[in-house]
Amino acid sequence: MTLVPLGDRVVLKQLEAEETTKSGIVLPGQAQEKPQQAEVIAVGPGGTVDGKEVKMEVAVGDKVIYSKYAGTEVKMDGTEYIIVRQNDILAIVK
């Protein structure tokens, strides 16, 4: 089964949370902050959304930073994904 986003939506897979701090302290699961970086898994077609023309600016494989409380979390085949609108993506990491 695959996820195919509609309109200006993008499917993201979160990158792993840091398990240690820069000084080497190991963080337990509850103390790890949820990362805001993700990899783009699928991109919707864009088109007209809410009466405006939307051009998709991200591509599959891009690493992106997205808004902290954006999107809908979905779990498929044991993997967690987040579906967000393109305007919830803040930057592409190059």
PDB file of N, CA and C in Angstrom:
ATOM      1  N   MET A   1       0.843  -1.180   0.000  1.00  0.00           N
ATOM      2  CA  MET A   1       0.000   0.000   0.000  1.00  0.00           C
ATOM      3  C   MET A   1       0.891   1.247   0.000  1.00  0.00           C
ATOM      4  N   THR A   2       0.537   2.245  -0.797  1.00  0.00           N
ATOM      5  CA  THR A   2       1.313   3.476  -0.844  1.00  0.00           C
ATOM      6  C   THR A   2       0.408   4.671  -0.589  1.00  0.00           C
ATOM      7  N   LEU A   3       0.999   5.745  -0.111  1.00  0.00           N
ATOM      8  CA  LEU A   3       0.276   6.989   0.112  1.00  0.00           C
ATOM      9  C   LEU A   3       0.456   7.891  -1.098  1.00  0.00           C
ATOM     10  N   VAL A   4      -0.645   8.383  -1.658  1.00  0.00           N
ATOM     11  CA  VAL A   4      -0.610   9.304  -2.790  1.00  0.00           C
ATOM     12  C   VAL A   4      -1.305  10.584  -2.339  1.00  0.00           C
ATOM     13  N   PRO A   5      -0.538  11.651  -2.065  1.00  0.00           N
ATOM     14  CA  PRO A   5      -1.146  12.885  -1.577  1.00  0.00           C
ATOM     15  C   PRO A   5      -1.941  13.611  -2.660  1.00  0.00           C
ATOM     16  N   LEU A   6      -2.970  14.320  -2.242  1.00  0.00           N
ATOM     17  CA  LEU A   6      -3.816  15.083  -3.147  1.00  0.00           C
ATOM     18  C   LEU A   6      -3.519  16.576  -3.018  1.00  0.00           C
ATOM     19  N   GLY A   7      -3.805  17.328  -4.072  1.00  0.00           N
ATOM     20  CA  GLY A   7      -3.647  18.784  -4.035  1.00  0.00           C
ATOM     21  C   GLY A   7      -2.229  19.201  -3.702  1.00  0.00           C
ATOM     22  N   ASP A   8      -2.101  20.120  -2.729  1.00  0.00           N
ATOM     23  CA  ASP A   8      -0.783  20.640  -2.369  1.00  0.00           C
ATOM     24  C   ASP A   8      -0.204  19.946  -1.142  1.00  0.00           C
ATOM     25  N   ARG A   9      -0.580  18.691  -0.926  1.00  0.00           N
ATOM     26  CA  ARG A   9      -0.083  17.974   0.242  1.00  0.00           C
ATOM     27  C   ARG A   9       1.190  17.186  -0.078  1.00  0.00           C
ATOM     28  N   VAL A  10       1.979  16.969   0.982  1.00  0.00           N
ATOM     29  CA  VAL A  10       3.267  16.293   0.866  1.00  0.00           C
ATOM     30  C   VAL A  10       3.348  15.244   1.976  1.00  0.00           C
ATOM     31  N   VAL A  11       3.835  14.046   1.652  1.00  0.00           N
ATOM     32  CA  VAL A  11       4.030  12.993   2.652  1.00  0.00           C
ATOM     33  C   VAL A  11       5.491  13.037   3.090  1.00  0.00           C
ATOM     34  N   LEU A  12       5.697  13.135   4.415  1.00  0.00           N
ATOM     35  CA  LEU A  12       7.045  13.229   4.981  1.00  0.00           C
ATOM     36  C   LEU A  12       7.312  12.047   5.897  1.00  0.00           C
ATOM     37  N   LYS A  13       8.586  11.650   5.961  1.00  0.00           N
ATOM     38  CA  LYS A  13       9.020  10.646   6.929  1.00  0.00           C
ATOM     39  C   LYS A  13      10.029  11.340   7.830  1.00  0.00           C
ATOM     40  N   GLN A  14       9.716  11.385   9.124  1.00  0.00           N
ATOM     41  CA  GLN A  14      10.582  12.086  10.066  1.00  0.00           C
ATOM     42  C   GLN A  14      11.960  11.457  10.144  1.00  0.00           C
ATOM     43  N   LEU A  15      12.966  12.326  10.272  1.00  0.00           N
ATOM     44  CA  LEU A  15      14.323  11.843  10.503  1.00  0.00           C
ATOM     45  C   LEU A  15      14.434  11.451  11.971  1.00  0.00           C
ATOM     46  N   GLU A  16      15.378  10.602  12.297  1.00  0.00           N
ATOM     47  CA  GLU A  16      15.520  10.090  13.656  1.00  0.00           C
ATOM     48  C   GLU A  16      15.882  11.203  14.633  1.00  0.00           C
ATOM     49  N   ALA A  17      15.344  11.104  15.852  1.00  0.00           N
ATOM     50  CA  ALA A  17      15.641  12.069  16.911  1.00  0.00           C
ATOM     51  C   ALA A  17      17.062  11.834  17.428  1.00  0.00           C
ATOM     52  N   GLU A  18      17.679  12.917  17.870  1.00  0.00           N
ATOM     53  CA  GLU A  18      19.018  12.803  18.454  1.00  0.00           C
ATOM     54  C   GLU A  18      18.926  12.034  19.763  1.00  0.00           C
ATOM     55  N   GLU A  19      19.782  11.037  19.930  1.00  0.00           N
ATOM     56  CA  GLU A  19      19.766  10.244  21.152  1.00  0.00           C
ATOM     57  C   GLU A  19      20.801  10.709  22.158  1.00  0.00           C
ATOM     58  N   THR A  20      21.764  11.516  21.694  1.00  0.00           N
ATOM     59  CA  THR A  20      22.755  12.067  22.608  1.00  0.00           C
ATOM     60  C   THR A  20      22.902  13.559  22.344  1.00  0.00           C
ATOM     61  N   THR A  21      23.283  14.294  23.385  1.00  0.00           N
ATOM     62  CA  THR A  21      23.528  15.724  23.226  1.00  0.00           C
ATOM     63  C   THR A  21      24.921  15.916  22.649  1.00  0.00           C
ATOM     64  N   LYS A  22      25.259  17.139  22.295  1.00  0.00           N
ATOM     65  CA  LYS A  22      26.595  17.416  21.744  1.00  0.00           C
ATOM     66  C   LYS A  22      27.694  17.113  22.750  1.00  0.00           C
ATOM     67  N   SER A  23      27.363  17.202  24.054  1.00  0.00           N
ATOM     68  CA  SER A  23      28.364  16.914  25.080  1.00  0.00           C
ATOM     69  C   SER A  23      28.439  15.431  25.430  1.00  0.00           C
ATOM     70  N   GLY A  24      27.600  14.586  24.772  1.00  0.00           N
ATOM     71  CA  GLY A  24      27.690  13.145  24.955  1.00  0.00           C
ATOM     72  C   GLY A  24      26.708  12.546  25.936  1.00  0.00           C
ATOM     73  N   ILE A  25      25.772  13.343  26.459  1.00  0.00           N
ATOM     74  CA  ILE A  25      24.781  12.820  27.398  1.00  0.00           C
ATOM     75  C   ILE A  25      23.711  12.065  26.622  1.00  0.00           C
ATOM     76  N   VAL A  26      23.424  10.833  27.034  1.00  0.00           N
ATOM     77  CA  VAL A  26      22.416  10.008  26.366  1.00  0.00           C
ATOM     78  C   VAL A  26      21.034  10.402  26.896  1.00  0.00           C
ATOM     79  N   LEU A  27      20.109  10.698  25.984  1.00  0.00           N
ATOM     80  CA  LEU A  27      18.759  11.120  26.369  1.00  0.00           C
ATOM     81  C   LEU A  27      17.800   9.941  26.357  1.00  0.00           C
ATOM     82  N   PRO A  28      16.975   9.790  27.411  1.00  0.00           N
ATOM     83  CA  PRO A  28      15.951   8.739  27.374  1.00  0.00           C
ATOM     84  C   PRO A  28      14.859   9.121  26.378  1.00  0.00           C
ATOM     85  N   GLY A  29      14.035   8.154  25.973  1.00  0.00           N
ATOM     86  CA  GLY A  29      13.005   8.364  24.958  1.00  0.00           C
ATOM     87  C   GLY A  29      12.097   9.552  25.212  1.00  0.00           C
ATOM     88  N   GLN A  30      11.671   9.770  26.480  1.00  0.00           N
ATOM     89  CA  GLN A  30      10.750  10.855  26.770  1.00  0.00           C
ATOM     90  C   GLN A  30      11.414  12.229  26.651  1.00  0.00           C
ATOM     91  N   ALA A  31      12.717  12.311  26.860  1.00  0.00           N
ATOM     92  CA  ALA A  31      13.411  13.593  26.836  1.00  0.00           C
ATOM     93  C   ALA A  31      13.807  14.010  25.424  1.00  0.00           C
ATOM     94  N   GLN A  32      13.749  13.089  24.479  1.00  0.00           N
ATOM     95  CA  GLN A  32      14.141  13.419  23.111  1.00  0.00           C
ATOM     96  C   GLN A  32      13.100  14.314  22.476  1.00  0.00           C
ATOM     97  N   GLU A  33      13.562  15.425  21.921  1.00  0.00           N
ATOM     98  CA  GLU A  33      12.643  16.332  21.257  1.00  0.00           C
ATOM     99  C   GLU A  33      12.312  15.795  19.872  1.00  0.00           C
ATOM    100  N   LYS A  34      11.059  15.909  19.492  1.00  0.00           N
ATOM    101  CA  LYS A  34      10.616  15.440  18.187  1.00  0.00           C
ATOM    102  C   LYS A  34      11.285  16.290  17.112  1.00  0.00           C
ATOM    103  N   PRO A  35      11.973  15.669  16.172  1.00  0.00           N
ATOM    104  CA  PRO A  35      12.667  16.466  15.153  1.00  0.00           C
ATOM    105  C   PRO A  35      11.689  17.139  14.206  1.00  0.00           C
ATOM    106  N   GLN A  36      12.088  18.288  13.679  1.00  0.00           N
ATOM    107  CA  GLN A  36      11.264  18.999  12.712  1.00  0.00           C
ATOM    108  C   GLN A  36      11.832  18.823  11.312  1.00  0.00           C
ATOM    109  N   GLN A  37      12.779  17.918  11.166  1.00  0.00           N
ATOM    110  CA  GLN A  37      13.336  17.623   9.851  1.00  0.00           C
ATOM    111  C   GLN A  37      12.764  16.311   9.356  1.00  0.00           C
ATOM    112  N   ALA A  38      12.525  16.261   8.048  1.00  0.00           N
ATOM    113  CA  ALA A  38      11.944  15.054   7.469  1.00  0.00           C
ATOM    114  C   ALA A  38      12.398  14.903   6.026  1.00  0.00           C
ATOM    115  N   GLU A  39      12.191  13.708   5.504  1.00  0.00           N
ATOM    116  CA  GLU A  39      12.473  13.431   4.094  1.00  0.00           C
ATOM    117  C   GLU A  39      11.141  13.362   3.354  1.00  0.00           C
ATOM    118  N   VAL A  40      11.096  13.959   2.167  1.00  0.00           N
ATOM    119  CA  VAL A  40       9.884  13.947   1.355  1.00  0.00           C
ATOM    120  C   VAL A  40       9.755  12.574   0.711  1.00  0.00           C
ATOM    121  N   ILE A  41       8.616  11.908   0.946  1.00  0.00           N
ATOM    122  CA  ILE A  41       8.343  10.572   0.417  1.00  0.00           C
ATOM    123  C   ILE A  41       7.470  10.647  -0.826  1.00  0.00           C
ATOM    124  N   ALA A  42       6.482  11.548  -0.833  1.00  0.00           N
ATOM    125  CA  ALA A  42       5.572  11.702  -1.972  1.00  0.00           C
ATOM    126  C   ALA A  42       5.073  13.139  -2.036  1.00  0.00           C
ATOM    127  N   VAL A  43       4.800  13.613  -3.243  1.00  0.00           N
ATOM    128  CA  VAL A  43       4.352  14.989  -3.459  1.00  0.00           C
ATOM    129  C   VAL A  43       3.072  14.976  -4.280  1.00  0.00           C
ATOM    130  N   GLY A  44       2.093  15.771  -3.842  1.00  0.00           N
ATOM    131  CA  GLY A  44       0.835  15.885  -4.571  1.00  0.00           C
ATOM    132  C   GLY A  44       1.030  16.632  -5.880  1.00  0.00           C
ATOM    133  N   PRO A  45       0.002  16.672  -6.728  1.00  0.00           N
ATOM    134  CA  PRO A  45       0.121  17.291  -8.045  1.00  0.00           C
ATOM    135  C   PRO A  45       0.079  18.814  -8.046  1.00  0.00           C
ATOM    136  N   GLY A  46      -0.308  19.418  -6.927  1.00  0.00           N
ATOM    137  CA  GLY A  46      -0.453  20.880  -6.914  1.00  0.00           C
ATOM    138  C   GLY A  46      -1.752  21.258  -7.597  1.00  0.00           C
ATOM    139  N   GLY A  47      -1.698  22.186  -8.545  1.00  0.00           N
ATOM    140  CA  GLY A  47      -2.911  22.602  -9.256  1.00  0.00           C
ATOM    141  C   GLY A  47      -3.575  23.763  -8.562  1.00  0.00           C
ATOM    142  N   THR A  48      -4.889  23.848  -8.659  1.00  0.00           N
ATOM    143  CA  THR A  48      -5.633  24.930  -8.039  1.00  0.00           C
ATOM    144  C   THR A  48      -6.129  24.483  -6.677  1.00  0.00           C
ATOM    145  N   VAL A  49      -5.707  25.209  -5.638  1.00  0.00           N
ATOM    146  CA  VAL A  49      -6.115  24.916  -4.274  1.00  0.00           C
ATOM    147  C   VAL A  49      -6.677  26.193  -3.678  1.00  0.00           C
ATOM    148  N   ASP A  50      -7.921  26.150  -3.208  1.00  0.00           N
ATOM    149  CA  ASP A  50      -8.603  27.319  -2.646  1.00  0.00           C
ATOM    150  C   ASP A  50      -8.615  28.491  -3.619  1.00  0.00           C
ATOM    151  N   GLY A  51      -8.773  28.217  -4.902  1.00  0.00           N
ATOM    152  CA  GLY A  51      -8.863  29.259  -5.911  1.00  0.00           C
ATOM    153  C   GLY A  51      -7.535  29.853  -6.355  1.00  0.00           C
ATOM    154  N   LYS A  52      -6.423  29.328  -5.839  1.00  0.00           N
ATOM    155  CA  LYS A  52      -5.094  29.845  -6.209  1.00  0.00           C
ATOM    156  C   LYS A  52      -4.294  28.737  -6.884  1.00  0.00           C
ATOM    157  N   GLU A  53      -3.495  29.130  -7.866  1.00  0.00           N
ATOM    158  CA  GLU A  53      -2.615  28.176  -8.547  1.00  0.00           C
ATOM    159  C   GLU A  53      -1.437  27.842  -7.626  1.00  0.00           C
ATOM    160  N   VAL A  54      -1.199  26.556  -7.382  1.00  0.00           N
ATOM    161  CA  VAL A  54      -0.111  26.120  -6.499  1.00  0.00           C
ATOM    162  C   VAL A  54       0.885  25.307  -7.309  1.00  0.00           C
ATOM    163  N   LYS A  55       2.153  25.751  -7.311  1.00  0.00           N
ATOM    164  CA  LYS A  55       3.237  25.028  -7.971  1.00  0.00           C
ATOM    165  C   LYS A  55       4.024  24.321  -6.872  1.00  0.00           C
ATOM    166  N   MET A  56       4.210  23.025  -7.020  1.00  0.00           N
ATOM    167  CA  MET A  56       4.931  22.263  -5.998  1.00  0.00           C
ATOM    168  C   MET A  56       6.429  22.558  -6.105  1.00  0.00           C
ATOM    169  N   GLU A  57       7.020  22.958  -4.983  1.00  0.00           N
ATOM    170  CA  GLU A  57       8.422  23.368  -4.966  1.00  0.00           C
ATOM    171  C   GLU A  57       9.342  22.343  -4.320  1.00  0.00           C
ATOM    172  N   VAL A  58       8.777  21.260  -3.787  1.00  0.00           N
ATOM    173  CA  VAL A  58       9.600  20.197  -3.202  1.00  0.00           C
ATOM    174  C   VAL A  58       9.507  18.962  -4.086  1.00  0.00           C
ATOM    175  N   ALA A  59      10.507  18.104  -3.961  1.00  0.00           N
ATOM    176  CA  ALA A  59      10.537  16.872  -4.761  1.00  0.00           C
ATOM    177  C   ALA A  59      10.827  15.692  -3.843  1.00  0.00           C
ATOM    178  N   VAL A  60      10.477  14.516  -4.292  1.00  0.00           N
ATOM    179  CA  VAL A  60      10.741  13.297  -3.532  1.00  0.00           C
ATOM    180  C   VAL A  60      12.242  13.197  -3.263  1.00  0.00           C
ATOM    181  N   GLY A  61      12.594  12.904  -2.018  1.00  0.00           N
ATOM    182  CA  GLY A  61      13.999  12.778  -1.633  1.00  0.00           C
ATOM    183  C   GLY A  61      14.566  14.018  -0.969  1.00  0.00           C
ATOM    184  N   ASP A  62      13.884  15.171  -1.097  1.00  0.00           N
ATOM    185  CA  ASP A  62      14.355  16.402  -0.443  1.00  0.00           C
ATOM    186  C   ASP A  62      14.298  16.235   1.070  1.00  0.00           C
ATOM    187  N   LYS A  63      15.253  16.843   1.769  1.00  0.00           N
ATOM    188  CA  LYS A  63      15.222  16.944   3.226  1.00  0.00           C
ATOM    189  C   LYS A  63      14.641  18.320   3.532  1.00  0.00           C
ATOM    190  N   VAL A  64      13.625  18.376   4.385  1.00  0.00           N
ATOM    191  CA  VAL A  64      12.943  19.631   4.658  1.00  0.00           C
ATOM    192  C   VAL A  64      12.788  19.869   6.155  1.00  0.00           C
ATOM    193  N   ILE A  65      12.518  21.126   6.501  1.00  0.00           N
ATOM    194  CA  ILE A  65      12.155  21.515   7.857  1.00  0.00           C
ATOM    195  C   ILE A  65      10.708  21.975   7.784  1.00  0.00           C
ATOM    196  N   TYR A  66       9.865  21.474   8.687  1.00  0.00           N
ATOM    197  CA  TYR A  66       8.443  21.804   8.648  1.00  0.00           C
ATOM    198  C   TYR A  66       7.996  22.381   9.987  1.00  0.00           C
ATOM    199  N   SER A  67       6.826  23.022   9.991  1.00  0.00           N
ATOM    200  CA  SER A  67       6.274  23.631  11.198  1.00  0.00           C
ATOM    201  C   SER A  67       6.070  22.580  12.290  1.00  0.00           C
ATOM    202  N   LYS A  68       6.307  22.978  13.530  1.00  0.00           N
ATOM    203  CA  LYS A  68       6.308  22.047  14.652  1.00  0.00           C
ATOM    204  C   LYS A  68       4.991  21.294  14.836  1.00  0.00           C
ATOM    205  N   TYR A  69       3.861  21.972  14.734  1.00  0.00           N
ATOM    206  CA  TYR A  69       2.577  21.316  14.999  1.00  0.00           C
ATOM    207  C   TYR A  69       1.767  21.096  13.728  1.00  0.00           C
ATOM    208  N   ALA A  70       2.438  20.998  12.603  1.00  0.00           N
ATOM    209  CA  ALA A  70       1.754  20.864  11.310  1.00  0.00           C
ATOM    210  C   ALA A  70       1.451  19.409  10.994  1.00  0.00           C
ATOM    211  N   GLY A  71       0.428  19.219  10.191  1.00  0.00           N
ATOM    212  CA  GLY A  71       0.178  17.933   9.572  1.00  0.00           C
ATOM    213  C   GLY A  71      -0.610  16.923  10.373  1.00  0.00           C
ATOM    214  N   THR A  72      -0.811  15.796   9.713  1.00  0.00           N
ATOM    215  CA  THR A  72      -1.544  14.660  10.278  1.00  0.00           C
ATOM    216  C   THR A  72      -0.620  13.455  10.280  1.00  0.00           C
ATOM    217  N   GLU A  73      -0.484  12.826  11.440  1.00  0.00           N
ATOM    218  CA  GLU A  73       0.378  11.651  11.539  1.00  0.00           C
ATOM    219  C   GLU A  73      -0.392  10.411  11.105  1.00  0.00           C
ATOM    220  N   VAL A  74       0.268   9.577  10.290  1.00  0.00           N
ATOM    221  CA  VAL A  74      -0.339   8.351   9.767  1.00  0.00           C
ATOM    222  C   VAL A  74       0.676   7.228   9.934  1.00  0.00           C
ATOM    223  N   LYS A  75       0.204   6.054  10.369  1.00  0.00           N
ATOM    224  CA  LYS A  75       1.094   4.903  10.506  1.00  0.00           C
ATOM    225  C   LYS A  75       0.660   3.844   9.508  1.00  0.00           C
ATOM    226  N   MET A  76       1.600   3.454   8.617  1.00  0.00           N
ATOM    227  CA  MET A  76       1.332   2.412   7.615  1.00  0.00           C
ATOM    228  C   MET A  76       2.485   1.427   7.593  1.00  0.00           C
ATOM    229  N   ASP A  77       2.172   0.164   7.611  1.00  0.00           N
ATOM    230  CA  ASP A  77       3.173  -0.896   7.535  1.00  0.00           C
ATOM    231  C   ASP A  77       4.283  -0.712   8.571  1.00  0.00           C
ATOM    232  N   GLY A  78       3.927  -0.238   9.778  1.00  0.00           N
ATOM    233  CA  GLY A  78       4.895  -0.071  10.852  1.00  0.00           C
ATOM    234  C   GLY A  78       5.754   1.176  10.748  1.00  0.00           C
ATOM    235  N   THR A  79       5.511   2.031   9.765  1.00  0.00           N
ATOM    236  CA  THR A  79       6.286   3.262   9.590  1.00  0.00           C
ATOM    237  C   THR A  79       5.367   4.458   9.780  1.00  0.00           C
ATOM    238  N   GLU A  80       5.855   5.472  10.502  1.00  0.00           N
ATOM    239  CA  GLU A  80       5.057   6.674  10.722  1.00  0.00           C
ATOM    240  C   GLU A  80       5.380   7.722   9.665  1.00  0.00           C
ATOM    241  N   TYR A  81       4.325   8.325   9.116  1.00  0.00           N
ATOM    242  CA  TYR A  81       4.453   9.392   8.133  1.00  0.00           C
ATOM    243  C   TYR A  81       3.667  10.595   8.619  1.00  0.00           C
ATOM    244  N   ILE A  82       3.982  11.762   8.081  1.00  0.00           N
ATOM    245  CA  ILE A  82       3.243  12.982   8.365  1.00  0.00           C
ATOM    246  C   ILE A  82       2.796  13.552   7.030  1.00  0.00           C
ATOM    247  N   ILE A  83       1.524  13.889   6.926  1.00  0.00           N
ATOM    248  CA  ILE A  83       1.007  14.516   5.712  1.00  0.00           C
ATOM    249  C   ILE A  83       0.786  15.994   6.022  1.00  0.00           C
ATOM    250  N   VAL A  84       1.479  16.864   5.297  1.00  0.00           N
ATOM    251  CA  VAL A  84       1.388  18.310   5.514  1.00  0.00           C
ATOM    252  C   VAL A  84       1.057  19.027   4.213  1.00  0.00           C
ATOM    253  N   ARG A  85       0.561  20.240   4.330  1.00  0.00           N
ATOM    254  CA  ARG A  85       0.398  21.091   3.159  1.00  0.00           C
ATOM    255  C   ARG A  85       1.764  21.679   2.827  1.00  0.00           C
ATOM    256  N   GLN A  86       1.979  21.991   1.570  1.00  0.00           N
ATOM    257  CA  GLN A  86       3.273  22.532   1.167  1.00  0.00           C
ATOM    258  C   GLN A  86       3.608  23.817   1.930  1.00  0.00           C
ATOM    259  N   ASN A  87       2.606  24.638   2.246  1.00  0.00           N
ATOM    260  CA  ASN A  87       2.915  25.894   2.954  1.00  0.00           C
ATOM    261  C   ASN A  87       3.325  25.672   4.424  1.00  0.00           C
ATOM    262  N   ASP A  88       3.221  24.425   4.946  1.00  0.00           N
ATOM    263  CA  ASP A  88       3.731  24.109   6.279  1.00  0.00           C
ATOM    264  C   ASP A  88       5.215  23.751   6.239  1.00  0.00           C
ATOM    265  N   ILE A  89       5.775  23.606   5.045  1.00  0.00           N
ATOM    266  CA  ILE A  89       7.203  23.338   4.895  1.00  0.00           C
ATOM    267  C   ILE A  89       7.924  24.674   4.873  1.00  0.00           C
ATOM    268  N   LEU A  90       8.882  24.832   5.798  1.00  0.00           N
ATOM    269  CA  LEU A  90       9.558  26.104   5.972  1.00  0.00           C
ATOM    270  C   LEU A  90      10.808  26.250   5.116  1.00  0.00           C
ATOM    271  N   ALA A  91      11.531  25.146   4.894  1.00  0.00           N
ATOM    272  CA  ALA A  91      12.785  25.234   4.156  1.00  0.00           C
ATOM    273  C   ALA A  91      13.194  23.863   3.620  1.00  0.00           C
ATOM    274  N   ILE A  92      14.003  23.893   2.578  1.00  0.00           N
ATOM    275  CA  ILE A  92      14.633  22.677   2.048  1.00  0.00           C
ATOM    276  C   ILE A  92      16.081  22.701   2.513  1.00  0.00           C
ATOM    277  N   VAL A  93      16.545  21.595   3.086  1.00  0.00           N
ATOM    278  CA  VAL A  93      17.918  21.498   3.579  1.00  0.00           C
ATOM    279  C   VAL A  93      18.784  20.976   2.444  1.00  0.00           C
ATOM    280  N   LYS A  94      19.815  21.729   2.068  1.00  0.00           N
ATOM    281  CA  LYS A  94      20.719  21.318   0.988  1.00  0.00           C
ATOM    282  C   LYS A  94      22.091  21.025   1.520  1.00  0.00           C
TER     283      LYS A  94
END
